[in-house]
PDB file of all heavy atoms in Angstrom:
ATOM      1  N   ILE A   1       0.831  -1.225   0.010  1.00  0.00           N
ATOM      2  CA  ILE A   1       0.000  -0.015  -0.008  1.00  0.00           C
ATOM      3  C   ILE A   1       0.873   1.253  -0.003  1.00  0.00           C
ATOM      4  O   ILE A   1       0.580   2.247  -0.731  1.00  0.00           O
ATOM      5  CB  ILE A   1      -0.928   0.005   1.195  1.00  0.00           C
ATOM      6  CG1 ILE A   1      -2.025  -1.104   1.033  1.00  0.00           C
ATOM      7  CG2 ILE A   1      -1.601   1.382   1.407  1.00  0.00           C
ATOM      8  CD1 ILE A   1      -2.815  -1.294   2.287  1.00  0.00           C
ATOM      9  N   GLN A   2       1.958   1.193   0.790  1.00  0.00           N
ATOM     10  CA  GLN A   2       2.894   2.352   0.874  1.00  0.00           C
ATOM     11  C   GLN A   2       3.342   2.790  -0.536  1.00  0.00           C
ATOM     12  O   GLN A   2       3.506   4.012  -0.777  1.00  0.00           O
ATOM     13  CB  GLN A   2       4.097   1.932   1.677  1.00  0.00           C
ATOM     14  CG  GLN A   2       5.227   2.925   1.693  1.00  0.00           C
ATOM     15  CD  GLN A   2       6.457   2.348   2.369  1.00  0.00           C
ATOM     16  OE1 GLN A   2       6.791   2.791   3.498  1.00  0.00           O
ATOM     17  NE2 GLN A   2       7.114   1.386   1.774  1.00  0.00           N
ATOM     18  N   ASP A   3       3.558   1.826  -1.417  1.00  0.00           N
ATOM     19  CA  ASP A   3       4.030   2.132  -2.746  1.00  0.00           C
ATOM     20  C   ASP A   3       2.970   2.702  -3.662  1.00  0.00           C
ATOM     21  O   ASP A   3       3.267   3.097  -4.786  1.00  0.00           O
ATOM     22  CB  ASP A   3       4.680   0.870  -3.393  1.00  0.00           C
ATOM     23  CG  ASP A   3       5.878   0.383  -2.602  1.00  0.00           C
ATOM     24  OD1 ASP A   3       6.538   1.229  -1.938  1.00  0.00           O
ATOM     25  OD2 ASP A   3       6.206  -0.804  -2.653  1.00  0.00           O
ATOM     26  N   LYS A   4       1.702   2.634  -3.254  1.00  0.00           N
ATOM     27  CA  LYS A   4       0.625   3.027  -4.113  1.00  0.00           C
ATOM     28  C   LYS A   4      -0.137   4.293  -3.684  1.00  0.00           C
ATOM     29  O   LYS A   4      -1.081   4.700  -4.284  1.00  0.00           O
ATOM     30  CB  LYS A   4      -0.402   1.889  -4.224  1.00  0.00           C
ATOM     31  CG  LYS A   4       0.218   0.615  -4.845  1.00  0.00           C
ATOM     32  CD  LYS A   4      -0.738  -0.596  -4.744  1.00  0.00           C
ATOM     33  CE  LYS A   4      -0.067  -1.835  -5.285  1.00  0.00           C
ATOM     34  NZ  LYS A   4      -0.897  -3.041  -5.114  1.00  0.00           N
ATOM     35  N   ILE A   5       0.296   4.888  -2.548  1.00  0.00           N
ATOM     36  CA  ILE A   5      -0.377   6.061  -2.038  1.00  0.00           C
ATOM     37  C   ILE A   5       0.436   7.318  -2.324  1.00  0.00           C
ATOM     38  O   ILE A   5       1.632   7.287  -2.412  1.00  0.00           O
ATOM     39  CB  ILE A   5      -0.657   5.916  -0.499  1.00  0.00           C
ATOM     40  CG1 ILE A   5       0.643   5.708   0.246  1.00  0.00           C
ATOM     41  CG2 ILE A   5      -1.665   4.820  -0.212  1.00  0.00           C
ATOM     42  CD1 ILE A   5       0.464   5.675   1.767  1.00  0.00           C
ATOM     43  N   GLY A   6      -0.311   8.450  -2.372  1.00  0.00           N
ATOM     44  CA  GLY A   6       0.358   9.727  -2.593  1.00  0.00           C
ATOM     45  C   GLY A   6       0.754  10.359  -1.277  1.00  0.00           C
ATOM     46  O   GLY A   6       0.579   9.764  -0.194  1.00  0.00           O
ATOM     47  N   ASP A   7       1.196  11.610  -1.354  1.00  0.00           N
ATOM     48  CA  ASP A   7       1.665  12.324  -0.200  1.00  0.00           C
ATOM     49  C   ASP A   7       0.523  12.677   0.776  1.00  0.00           C
ATOM     50  O   ASP A   7       0.802  12.959   1.935  1.00  0.00           O
ATOM     51  CB  ASP A   7       2.327  13.605  -0.618  1.00  0.00           C
ATOM     52  CG  ASP A   7       3.660  13.361  -1.383  1.00  0.00           C
ATOM     53  OD1 ASP A   7       4.182  12.256  -1.215  1.00  0.00           O
ATOM     54  OD2 ASP A   7       4.063  14.223  -2.173  1.00  0.00           O
ATOM     55  N   GLU A   8      -0.695  12.635   0.339  1.00  0.00           N
ATOM     56  CA  GLU A   8      -1.826  12.994   1.191  1.00  0.00           C
ATOM     57  C   GLU A   8      -2.309  11.893   2.091  1.00  0.00           C
ATOM     58  O   GLU A   8      -3.229  12.037   2.905  1.00  0.00           O
ATOM     59  CB  GLU A   8      -3.015  13.541   0.377  1.00  0.00           C
ATOM     60  CG  GLU A   8      -3.746  12.486  -0.470  1.00  0.00           C
ATOM     61  CD  GLU A   8      -3.182  12.280  -1.858  1.00  0.00           C
ATOM     62  OE1 GLU A   8      -1.916  12.316  -2.001  1.00  0.00           O
ATOM     63  OE2 GLU A   8      -3.964  12.078  -2.783  1.00  0.00           O
ATOM     64  N   VAL A   9      -1.683  10.732   1.975  1.00  0.00           N
ATOM     65  CA  VAL A   9      -2.082   9.512   2.778  1.00  0.00           C
ATOM     66  C   VAL A   9      -0.847   9.041   3.556  1.00  0.00           C
ATOM     67  O   VAL A   9       0.238   8.963   2.992  1.00  0.00           O
ATOM     68  CB  VAL A   9      -2.619   8.402   1.878  1.00  0.00           C
ATOM     69  CG1 VAL A   9      -3.057   7.204   2.736  1.00  0.00           C
ATOM     70  CG2 VAL A   9      -3.814   8.886   1.030  1.00  0.00           C
ATOM     71  N   LEU A  10      -1.062   8.732   4.843  1.00  0.00           N
ATOM     72  CA  LEU A  10       0.006   8.243   5.697  1.00  0.00           C
ATOM     73  C   LEU A  10      -0.384   6.875   6.299  1.00  0.00           C
ATOM     74  O   LEU A  10      -1.556   6.487   6.243  1.00  0.00           O
ATOM     75  CB  LEU A  10       0.332   9.255   6.836  1.00  0.00           C
ATOM     76  CG  LEU A  10       0.829  10.616   6.406  1.00  0.00           C
ATOM     77  CD1 LEU A  10       1.034  11.525   7.640  1.00  0.00           C
ATOM     78  CD2 LEU A  10       2.158  10.526   5.637  1.00  0.00           C
ATOM     79  N   LEU A  11       0.626   6.212   6.898  1.00  0.00           N
ATOM     80  CA  LEU A  11       0.414   4.913   7.534  1.00  0.00           C
ATOM     81  C   LEU A  11       0.887   4.994   8.999  1.00  0.00           C
ATOM     82  O   LEU A  11       1.806   5.757   9.312  1.00  0.00           O
ATOM     83  CB  LEU A  11       1.183   3.838   6.797  1.00  0.00           C
ATOM     84  CG  LEU A  11       1.008   3.748   5.263  1.00  0.00           C
ATOM     85  CD1 LEU A  11       1.917   2.698   4.688  1.00  0.00           C
ATOM     86  CD2 LEU A  11      -0.430   3.432   4.917  1.00  0.00           C
ATOM     87  N   LEU A  12       0.231   4.194   9.850  1.00  0.00           N
ATOM     88  CA  LEU A  12       0.543   4.232  11.269  1.00  0.00           C
ATOM     89  C   LEU A  12       0.402   2.806  11.829  1.00  0.00           C
ATOM     90  O   LEU A  12      -0.701   2.283  11.908  1.00  0.00           O
ATOM     91  CB  LEU A  12      -0.406   5.178  11.994  1.00  0.00           C
ATOM     92  CG  LEU A  12      -0.200   5.304  13.519  1.00  0.00           C
ATOM     93  CD1 LEU A  12       1.173   5.763  13.889  1.00  0.00           C
ATOM     94  CD2 LEU A  12      -1.264   6.262  14.089  1.00  0.00           C
ATOM     95  N   SER A  13       1.510   2.199  12.241  1.00  0.00           N
ATOM     96  CA  SER A  13       1.467   0.886  12.818  1.00  0.00           C
ATOM     97  C   SER A  13       1.900   0.916  14.303  1.00  0.00           C
ATOM     98  O   SER A  13       2.995   1.421  14.625  1.00  0.00           O
ATOM     99  CB  SER A  13       2.438  -0.063  12.058  1.00  0.00           C
ATOM    100  OG  SER A  13       1.967  -0.275  10.744  1.00  0.00           O
ATOM    101  N   HIS A  14       1.015   0.450  15.179  1.00  0.00           N
ATOM    102  CA  HIS A  14       1.214   0.484  16.620  1.00  0.00           C
ATOM    103  C   HIS A  14       1.775  -0.882  17.086  1.00  0.00           C
ATOM    104  O   HIS A  14       1.156  -1.906  16.810  1.00  0.00           O
ATOM    105  CB  HIS A  14      -0.079   0.738  17.374  1.00  0.00           C
ATOM    106  CG  HIS A  14      -0.835   1.939  16.904  1.00  0.00           C
ATOM    107  ND1 HIS A  14      -1.591   1.918  15.725  1.00  0.00           N
ATOM    108  CD2 HIS A  14      -1.037   3.154  17.482  1.00  0.00           C
ATOM    109  CE1 HIS A  14      -2.180   3.121  15.592  1.00  0.00           C
ATOM    110  NE2 HIS A  14      -1.845   3.853  16.636  1.00  0.00           N
ATOM    111  N   SER A  15       2.869  -0.871  17.838  1.00  0.00           N
ATOM    112  CA  SER A  15       3.357  -2.102  18.430  1.00  0.00           C
ATOM    113  C   SER A  15       2.522  -2.448  19.675  1.00  0.00           C
ATOM    114  O   SER A  15       2.301  -1.618  20.504  1.00  0.00           O
ATOM    115  CB  SER A  15       4.833  -1.968  18.864  1.00  0.00           C
ATOM    116  OG  SER A  15       5.179  -3.106  19.668  1.00  0.00           O
ATOM    117  N   VAL A  16       2.081  -3.741  19.749  1.00  0.00           N
ATOM    118  CA  VAL A  16       1.320  -4.161  20.915  1.00  0.00           C
ATOM    119  C   VAL A  16       2.235  -4.775  21.942  1.00  0.00           C
ATOM    120  O   VAL A  16       1.765  -5.195  23.027  1.00  0.00           O
ATOM    121  CB  VAL A  16       0.209  -5.145  20.525  1.00  0.00           C
ATOM    122  CG1 VAL A  16      -0.765  -4.466  19.523  1.00  0.00           C
ATOM    123  CG2 VAL A  16       0.733  -6.409  19.927  1.00  0.00           C
ATOM    124  N   THR A  17       3.510  -4.852  21.658  1.00  0.00           N
ATOM    125  CA  THR A  17       4.497  -5.281  22.645  1.00  0.00           C
ATOM    126  C   THR A  17       5.580  -4.230  22.750  1.00  0.00           C
ATOM    127  O   THR A  17       6.752  -4.446  22.431  1.00  0.00           O
ATOM    128  CB  THR A  17       5.117  -6.662  22.251  1.00  0.00           C
ATOM    129  OG1 THR A  17       5.775  -6.518  20.968  1.00  0.00           O
ATOM    130  CG2 THR A  17       4.106  -7.749  22.226  1.00  0.00           C
ATOM    131  N   PRO A  18       5.200  -3.037  23.218  1.00  0.00           N
ATOM    132  CA  PRO A  18       6.188  -1.925  23.244  1.00  0.00           C
ATOM    133  C   PRO A  18       7.375  -2.193  24.182  1.00  0.00           C
ATOM    134  O   PRO A  18       8.424  -1.578  23.962  1.00  0.00           O
ATOM    135  CB  PRO A  18       5.297  -0.745  23.743  1.00  0.00           C
ATOM    136  CG  PRO A  18       4.145  -1.372  24.456  1.00  0.00           C
ATOM    137  CD  PRO A  18       3.880  -2.643  23.744  1.00  0.00           C
ATOM    138  N   ASN A  19       7.196  -3.051  25.150  1.00  0.00           N
ATOM    139  CA  ASN A  19       8.348  -3.368  25.994  1.00  0.00           C
ATOM    140  C   ASN A  19       9.460  -4.131  25.271  1.00  0.00           C
ATOM    141  O   ASN A  19      10.619  -4.018  25.585  1.00  0.00           O
ATOM    142  CB  ASN A  19       7.891  -4.222  27.190  1.00  0.00           C
ATOM    143  CG  ASN A  19       7.158  -5.475  26.772  1.00  0.00           C
ATOM    144  OD1 ASN A  19       6.312  -5.467  25.851  1.00  0.00           O
ATOM    145  ND2 ASN A  19       7.431  -6.596  27.428  1.00  0.00           N
ATOM    146  N   ILE A  20       9.046  -4.827  24.189  1.00  0.00           N
ATOM    147  CA  ILE A  20      10.028  -5.521  23.306  1.00  0.00           C
ATOM    148  C   ILE A  20      10.437  -4.632  22.160  1.00  0.00           C
ATOM    149  O   ILE A  20      11.611  -4.555  21.797  1.00  0.00           O
ATOM    150  CB  ILE A  20       9.421  -6.847  22.795  1.00  0.00           C
ATOM    151  CG1 ILE A  20       9.144  -7.809  23.949  1.00  0.00           C
ATOM    152  CG2 ILE A  20      10.353  -7.491  21.742  1.00  0.00           C
ATOM    153  CD1 ILE A  20       8.403  -9.046  23.559  1.00  0.00           C
ATOM    154  N   ASP A  21       9.429  -3.935  21.610  1.00  0.00           N
ATOM    155  CA  ASP A  21       9.677  -3.127  20.416  1.00  0.00           C
ATOM    156  C   ASP A  21      10.200  -1.729  20.768  1.00  0.00           C
ATOM    157  O   ASP A  21       9.475  -0.743  20.744  1.00  0.00           O
ATOM    158  CB  ASP A  21       8.452  -3.068  19.542  1.00  0.00           C
ATOM    159  CG  ASP A  21       8.105  -4.407  18.938  1.00  0.00           C
ATOM    160  OD1 ASP A  21       9.048  -5.191  18.692  1.00  0.00           O
ATOM    161  OD2 ASP A  21       6.936  -4.631  18.650  1.00  0.00           O
ATOM    162  N   SER A  22      11.482  -1.689  21.102  1.00  0.00           N
ATOM    163  CA  SER A  22      12.183  -0.418  21.396  1.00  0.00           C
ATOM    164  C   SER A  22      12.315   0.357  20.091  1.00  0.00           C
ATOM    165  O   SER A  22      12.029  -0.156  18.986  1.00  0.00           O
ATOM    166  CB  SER A  22      13.515  -0.668  21.979  1.00  0.00           C
ATOM    167  OG  SER A  22      14.314  -1.389  21.064  1.00  0.00           O
ATOM    168  N   VAL A  23      12.781   1.583  20.175  1.00  0.00           N
ATOM    169  CA  VAL A  23      13.025   2.403  18.973  1.00  0.00           C
ATOM    170  C   VAL A  23      14.053   1.684  18.085  1.00  0.00           C
ATOM    171  O   VAL A  23      13.867   1.581  16.856  1.00  0.00           O
ATOM    172  CB  VAL A  23      13.569   3.794  19.346  1.00  0.00           C
ATOM    173  CG1 VAL A  23      14.090   4.533  18.151  1.00  0.00           C
ATOM    174  CG2 VAL A  23      12.461   4.591  20.054  1.00  0.00           C
ATOM    175  N   ALA A  24      15.118   1.115  18.675  1.00  0.00           N
ATOM    176  CA  ALA A  24      16.130   0.454  17.889  1.00  0.00           C
ATOM    177  C   ALA A  24      15.538  -0.786  17.204  1.00  0.00           C
ATOM    178  O   ALA A  24      15.865  -1.067  16.004  1.00  0.00           O
ATOM    179  CB  ALA A  24      17.302   0.022  18.810  1.00  0.00           C
ATOM    180  N   GLN A  25      14.671  -1.520  17.898  1.00  0.00           N
ATOM    181  CA  GLN A  25      14.050  -2.703  17.285  1.00  0.00           C
ATOM    182  C   GLN A  25      13.131  -2.303  16.148  1.00  0.00           C
ATOM    183  O   GLN A  25      13.081  -2.933  15.073  1.00  0.00           O
ATOM    184  CB  GLN A  25      13.276  -3.472  18.365  1.00  0.00           C
ATOM    185  CG  GLN A  25      12.507  -4.686  17.831  1.00  0.00           C
ATOM    186  CD  GLN A  25      13.347  -5.821  17.355  1.00  0.00           C
ATOM    187  OE1 GLN A  25      14.596  -5.779  17.486  1.00  0.00           O
ATOM    188  NE2 GLN A  25      12.741  -6.848  16.833  1.00  0.00           N
ATOM    189  N   LEU A  26      12.364  -1.242  16.339  1.00  0.00           N
ATOM    190  CA  LEU A  26      11.468  -0.770  15.279  1.00  0.00           C
ATOM    191  C   LEU A  26      12.256  -0.311  14.055  1.00  0.00           C
ATOM    192  O   LEU A  26      11.858  -0.546  12.904  1.00  0.00           O
ATOM    193  CB  LEU A  26      10.597   0.382  15.784  1.00  0.00           C
ATOM    194  CG  LEU A  26       9.509  -0.012  16.775  1.00  0.00           C
ATOM    195  CD1 LEU A  26       8.681   1.248  17.150  1.00  0.00           C
ATOM    196  CD2 LEU A  26       8.544  -1.087  16.220  1.00  0.00           C
ATOM    197  N   LYS A  27      13.399   0.387  14.296  1.00  0.00           N
ATOM    198  CA  LYS A  27      14.232   0.823  13.187  1.00  0.00           C
ATOM    199  C   LYS A  27      14.770  -0.324  12.402  1.00  0.00           C
ATOM    200  O   LYS A  27      14.772  -0.333  11.142  1.00  0.00           O
ATOM    201  CB  LYS A  27      15.383   1.711  13.707  1.00  0.00           C
ATOM    202  CG  LYS A  27      16.196   2.395  12.621  1.00  0.00           C
ATOM    203  CD  LYS A  27      15.321   3.328  11.776  1.00  0.00           C
ATOM    204  CE  LYS A  27      16.106   4.056  10.708  1.00  0.00           C
ATOM    205  NZ  LYS A  27      15.252   4.947   9.912  1.00  0.00           N
ATOM    206  N   LYS A  28      15.240  -1.323  13.109  1.00  0.00           N
ATOM    207  CA  LYS A  28      15.727  -2.536  12.445  1.00  0.00           C
ATOM    208  C   LYS A  28      14.670  -3.183  11.555  1.00  0.00           C
ATOM    209  O   LYS A  28      14.882  -3.542  10.405  1.00  0.00           O
ATOM    210  CB  LYS A  28      16.260  -3.533  13.498  1.00  0.00           C
ATOM    211  CG  LYS A  28      16.799  -4.849  12.927  1.00  0.00           C
ATOM    212  CD  LYS A  28      17.379  -5.681  14.109  1.00  0.00           C
ATOM    213  CE  LYS A  28      17.913  -7.042  13.630  1.00  0.00           C
ATOM    214  NZ  LYS A  28      16.826  -7.949  13.172  1.00  0.00           N
ATOM    215  N   TYR A  29      13.478  -3.301  12.131  1.00  0.00           N
ATOM    216  CA  TYR A  29      12.335  -3.885  11.435  1.00  0.00           C
ATOM    217  C   TYR A  29      11.985  -3.042  10.215  1.00  0.00           C
ATOM    218  O   TYR A  29      11.685  -3.556   9.120  1.00  0.00           O
ATOM    219  CB  TYR A  29      11.166  -3.958  12.383  1.00  0.00           C
ATOM    220  CG  TYR A  29       9.970  -4.730  11.904  1.00  0.00           C
ATOM    221  CD1 TYR A  29       9.968  -6.146  11.981  1.00  0.00           C
ATOM    222  CD2 TYR A  29       8.856  -4.094  11.428  1.00  0.00           C
ATOM    223  CE1 TYR A  29       8.859  -6.881  11.571  1.00  0.00           C
ATOM    224  CE2 TYR A  29       7.724  -4.846  11.008  1.00  0.00           C
ATOM    225  CZ  TYR A  29       7.758  -6.198  11.091  1.00  0.00           C
ATOM    226  OH  TYR A  29       6.637  -6.914  10.692  1.00  0.00           O
ATOM    227  N   ALA A  30      11.980  -1.704  10.395  1.00  0.00           N
ATOM    228  CA  ALA A  30      11.625  -0.781   9.299  1.00  0.00           C
ATOM    229  C   ALA A  30      12.639  -0.934   8.148  1.00  0.00           C
ATOM    230  O   ALA A  30      12.180  -0.952   6.970  1.00  0.00           O
ATOM    231  CB  ALA A  30      11.643   0.651   9.821  1.00  0.00           C
TER     232      ALA A  30
END
């Protein structure tokens, strides 16, 4: 979907295990 949307549309994914998903972990995943 990211590849098919224009600048007027954004995406937001919330981690449900924030104690595991640190900023560094999210960056690696990203």
